[in-house]
Protein backbone atom coordinates (compact mmCIF):
# COMPACT_ATOMS: atom_id res chain seq x y z
CA MET A 1 0.00 0.00 0.00
CA ASN A 2 1.48 3.35 -1.02
CA LEU A 3 1.43 6.54 1.09
CA LYS A 4 -1.71 7.99 -0.50
CA GLU A 5 -3.66 4.72 -0.15
CA ARG A 6 -2.63 4.43 3.49
CA PHE A 7 -3.60 8.08 4.09
CA MET A 8 -7.06 7.66 2.54
CA ASN A 9 -7.67 4.41 4.42
CA GLU A 10 -6.70 5.94 7.76
CA CYS A 11 -8.80 9.05 7.14
CA GLU A 12 -11.88 6.94 6.36
CA THR A 13 -11.30 4.63 9.32
CA ARG A 14 -10.68 7.39 11.86
CA GLU A 15 -12.90 10.14 10.45
CA GLU A 16 -15.02 10.47 13.59
CA ASP A 17 -12.19 11.00 16.09
CA LEU A 18 -9.67 13.09 14.12
CA LYS A 19 -8.62 16.35 15.75
CA TYR A 20 -5.61 17.23 13.60
CA LEU A 21 -4.49 16.52 10.05
CA ILE A 22 -0.82 17.33 9.56
CA VAL A 23 0.96 16.95 6.22
CA ALA A 24 4.57 17.46 5.19
CA ILE A 25 4.82 18.80 1.65
CA GLN A 26 8.09 18.97 -0.25
CA LEU A 27 8.27 22.08 -2.41
CA PRO A 28 10.16 22.41 -5.72
CA THR A 29 13.04 24.09 -3.85
CA GLY A 30 13.45 21.01 -1.66
CA ALA A 31 12.11 22.81 1.39
CA VAL A 32 9.48 20.99 3.43
CA GLU A 33 6.31 22.81 4.48
CA ILE A 34 4.26 21.51 7.41
CA ILE A 35 0.51 22.18 7.22
CA THR A 36 -1.75 21.60 10.22
CA ASN A 37 -5.53 21.46 9.83
CA THR A 38 -7.82 21.48 12.86
CA GLU A 39 -11.19 22.00 11.19
CA HIS A 40 -13.00 20.51 8.19
CA ILE A 41 -10.57 17.61 8.19
CA GLY A 42 -12.83 15.44 6.03
CA SER A 43 -13.03 18.03 3.27
CA LYS A 44 -9.28 18.65 3.44
CA ALA A 45 -8.60 14.92 3.10
CA GLU A 46 -10.95 14.89 0.11
CA TYR A 47 -8.96 17.78 -1.41
CA TYR A 48 -5.72 15.80 -1.06
CA LYS A 49 -7.42 12.79 -2.65
CA ASN A 50 -8.53 14.80 -5.69
CA ALA A 51 -5.65 17.25 -6.15
CA TYR A 52 -2.77 14.76 -5.76
CA ASP A 53 -1.99 11.74 -7.92
CA GLU A 54 -1.33 8.16 -6.78
CA ASN A 55 2.27 9.12 -5.87
CA PHE A 56 0.97 12.06 -3.80
CA CYS A 57 2.38 14.57 -6.31
CA LEU A 58 0.24 17.63 -6.97
CA LYS A 59 -1.51 17.10 -10.30
CA ALA A 60 -1.06 20.77 -11.26
CA ASN A 61 2.68 20.74 -10.43
CA SER A 62 4.31 17.33 -9.98
CA SER A 63 7.37 18.86 -8.27
CA ILE A 64 5.17 19.45 -5.20
CA LYS A 65 4.70 16.25 -3.23
CA ILE A 66 3.24 15.10 0.07
CA ILE A 67 6.04 13.16 1.72
CA ASN A 68 4.40 12.30 5.03
CA TYR A 69 1.38 12.90 7.20
CA MET A 70 0.12 12.45 10.74
CA LEU A 71 -3.45 12.00 11.96
CA VAL A 72 -4.11 12.86 15.58
């Protein structure tokens, strides 16, 4: 199971009890940006599902990639 599949599975399984959705996104420069979401986690997970490909690269710019995540 790749990172995106694992992410989607965990989001669906834990949807009711999630308080934080944290993602690490690697930018084209190589820098890593950490994004923390505390509200509307379901819709944010849906955004990641639709906007990123199976390798978790942004469809609009494949040099932007989700490299890790944490669900709390």
